[in-house]
Amino acid sequence: MPRTTTMTVRVSGALSEFVATNVGEDGAYENVSEYIRDLIRRDKERAEREAFDRLKAELNRAFAAPEDSYKPLTAADVIARNRN
């Protein structure tokens, strides 16, 4: 069962006004909680996309490397290398 956490966030000034324009009758969200959840989801997606892009770049570099630069590794070699 997913855990629910209640959080208190304080914003004032321009940030508060900006939130108010996005919530309610004229905004895209019914309430502040809905707006914050959407922001968190989008930030999570961004972080996951950045991690994927880093992995993809690393794989592209590996596949572009000359064949003779590869060396055979055992599972134990990989595990030992990743512990460092």
C-alpha atoms as a PDB file:
ATOM      1  CA  MET A   1       0.000   0.000   0.000  1.00  0.00           C
ATOM      2  CA  PRO A   2       1.474   3.391  -0.974  1.00  0.00           C
ATOM      3  CA  ARG A   3       2.503   5.668   1.847  1.00  0.00           C
ATOM      4  CA  THR A   4       0.854   9.071   2.117  1.00  0.00           C
ATOM      5  CA  THR A   5       2.818  11.972   3.523  1.00  0.00           C
ATOM      6  CA  THR A   6       1.329  15.267   4.541  1.00  0.00           C
ATOM      7  CA  MET A   7       3.637  18.209   3.915  1.00  0.00           C
ATOM      8  CA  THR A   8       3.366  21.868   4.723  1.00  0.00           C
ATOM      9  CA  VAL A   9       4.822  24.282   2.196  1.00  0.00           C
ATOM     10  CA  ARG A  10       4.957  28.008   2.707  1.00  0.00           C
ATOM     11  CA  VAL A  11       5.191  30.392  -0.211  1.00  0.00           C
ATOM     12  CA  SER A  12       4.713  34.115  -0.258  1.00  0.00           C
ATOM     13  CA  GLY A  13       4.837  37.073  -2.562  1.00  0.00           C
ATOM     14  CA  ALA A  14       5.228  36.409  -6.253  1.00  0.00           C
ATOM     15  CA  LEU A  15       5.309  32.625  -5.768  1.00  0.00           C
ATOM     16  CA  SER A  16       2.040  32.680  -3.855  1.00  0.00           C
ATOM     17  CA  GLU A  17       0.439  34.874  -6.503  1.00  0.00           C
ATOM     18  CA  PHE A  18       1.666  32.556  -9.245  1.00  0.00           C
ATOM     19  CA  VAL A  19       0.197  29.520  -7.507  1.00  0.00           C
ATOM     20  CA  ALA A  20      -3.102  31.359  -7.050  1.00  0.00           C
ATOM     21  CA  THR A  21      -3.308  32.048 -10.799  1.00  0.00           C
ATOM     22  CA  ASN A  22      -2.954  28.317 -11.512  1.00  0.00           C
ATOM     23  CA  VAL A  23      -5.519  27.124  -8.958  1.00  0.00           C
ATOM     24  CA  GLY A  24      -9.252  27.589  -8.719  1.00  0.00           C
ATOM     25  CA  GLU A  25     -11.915  28.667 -11.142  1.00  0.00           C
ATOM     26  CA  ASP A  26      -9.547  30.406 -13.570  1.00  0.00           C
ATOM     27  CA  GLY A  27      -6.603  28.028 -13.139  1.00  0.00           C
ATOM     28  CA  ALA A  28      -5.729  24.639 -14.524  1.00  0.00           C
ATOM     29  CA  TYR A  29      -5.944  22.929 -11.124  1.00  0.00           C
ATOM     30  CA  GLU A  30      -8.801  22.570  -8.654  1.00  0.00           C
ATOM     31  CA  ASN A  31      -6.613  22.979  -5.589  1.00  0.00           C
ATOM     32  CA  VAL A  32      -3.036  23.574  -4.486  1.00  0.00           C
ATOM     33  CA  SER A  33      -2.434  19.900  -3.635  1.00  0.00           C
ATOM     34  CA  GLU A  34      -3.330  18.855  -7.167  1.00  0.00           C
ATOM     35  CA  TYR A  35      -0.979  21.500  -8.555  1.00  0.00           C
ATOM     36  CA  ILE A  36       1.920  20.460  -6.303  1.00  0.00           C
ATOM     37  CA  ARG A  37       1.441  16.756  -7.091  1.00  0.00           C
ATOM     38  CA  ASP A  38       1.593  17.564 -10.808  1.00  0.00           C
ATOM     39  CA  LEU A  39       4.772  19.618 -10.337  1.00  0.00           C
ATOM     40  CA  ILE A  40       6.379  16.763  -8.401  1.00  0.00           C
ATOM     41  CA  ARG A  41       5.379  14.217 -11.061  1.00  0.00           C
ATOM     42  CA  ARG A  42       6.838  16.390 -13.816  1.00  0.00           C
ATOM     43  CA  ASP A  43      10.062  16.907 -11.861  1.00  0.00           C
ATOM     44  CA  LYS A  44      10.319  13.139 -11.284  1.00  0.00           C
ATOM     45  CA  GLU A  45       9.826  12.527 -15.019  1.00  0.00           C
ATOM     46  CA  ARG A  46      12.514  15.126 -15.797  1.00  0.00           C
ATOM     47  CA  ALA A  47      14.978  13.453 -13.410  1.00  0.00           C
ATOM     48  CA  GLU A  48      14.251  10.030 -14.921  1.00  0.00           C
ATOM     49  CA  ARG A  49      14.651  11.412 -18.459  1.00  0.00           C
ATOM     50  CA  GLU A  50      18.009  12.981 -17.520  1.00  0.00           C
ATOM     51  CA  ALA A  51      19.207   9.684 -16.002  1.00  0.00           C
ATOM     52  CA  PHE A  52      18.127   7.832 -19.155  1.00  0.00           C
ATOM     53  CA  ASP A  53      19.895  10.399 -21.361  1.00  0.00           C
ATOM     54  CA  ARG A  54      23.125   9.951 -19.352  1.00  0.00           C
ATOM     55  CA  LEU A  55      22.864   6.177 -19.737  1.00  0.00           C
ATOM     56  CA  LYS A  56      22.150   6.501 -23.451  1.00  0.00           C
ATOM     57  CA  ALA A  57      25.166   8.798 -23.917  1.00  0.00           C
ATOM     58  CA  GLU A  58      27.388   6.331 -22.067  1.00  0.00           C
ATOM     59  CA  LEU A  59      26.140   3.456 -24.214  1.00  0.00           C
ATOM     60  CA  ASN A  60      26.656   5.476 -27.391  1.00  0.00           C
ATOM     61  CA  ARG A  61      30.275   6.149 -26.350  1.00  0.00           C
ATOM     62  CA  ALA A  62      30.773   2.458 -25.594  1.00  0.00           C
ATOM     63  CA  PHE A  63      29.343   1.328 -28.931  1.00  0.00           C
ATOM     64  CA  ALA A  64      31.449   3.902 -30.777  1.00  0.00           C
ATOM     65  CA  ALA A  65      34.675   2.641 -29.175  1.00  0.00           C
ATOM     66  CA  PRO A  66      37.005   0.594 -31.380  1.00  0.00           C
ATOM     67  CA  GLU A  67      36.523  -3.161 -31.099  1.00  0.00           C
ATOM     68  CA  ASP A  68      40.077  -3.696 -29.848  1.00  0.00           C
ATOM     69  CA  SER A  69      39.427  -1.476 -26.811  1.00  0.00           C
ATOM     70  CA  TYR A  70      36.991  -4.025 -25.401  1.00  0.00           C
ATOM     71  CA  LYS A  71      38.215  -6.582 -22.901  1.00  0.00           C
ATOM     72  CA  PRO A  72      36.393  -9.607 -21.555  1.00  0.00           C
ATOM     73  CA  LEU A  73      35.032  -9.273 -18.018  1.00  0.00           C
ATOM     74  CA  THR A  74      33.541 -11.799 -15.683  1.00  0.00           C
ATOM     75  CA  ALA A  75      30.561 -11.031 -13.477  1.00  0.00           C
ATOM     76  CA  ALA A  76      32.969 -10.855 -10.534  1.00  0.00           C
ATOM     77  CA  ASP A  77      35.051  -8.229 -12.410  1.00  0.00           C
ATOM     78  CA  VAL A  78      31.979  -6.064 -12.974  1.00  0.00           C
ATOM     79  CA  ILE A  79      30.833  -6.389  -9.357  1.00  0.00           C
ATOM     80  CA  ALA A  80      34.312  -5.516  -8.064  1.00  0.00           C
ATOM     81  CA  ARG A  81      34.552  -2.508 -10.401  1.00  0.00           C
ATOM     82  CA  ASN A  82      31.157  -1.192  -9.303  1.00  0.00           C
ATOM     83  CA  ARG A  83      32.053  -1.440  -5.613  1.00  0.00           C
ATOM     84  CA  ASN A  84      34.736   1.224  -6.058  1.00  0.00           C
END
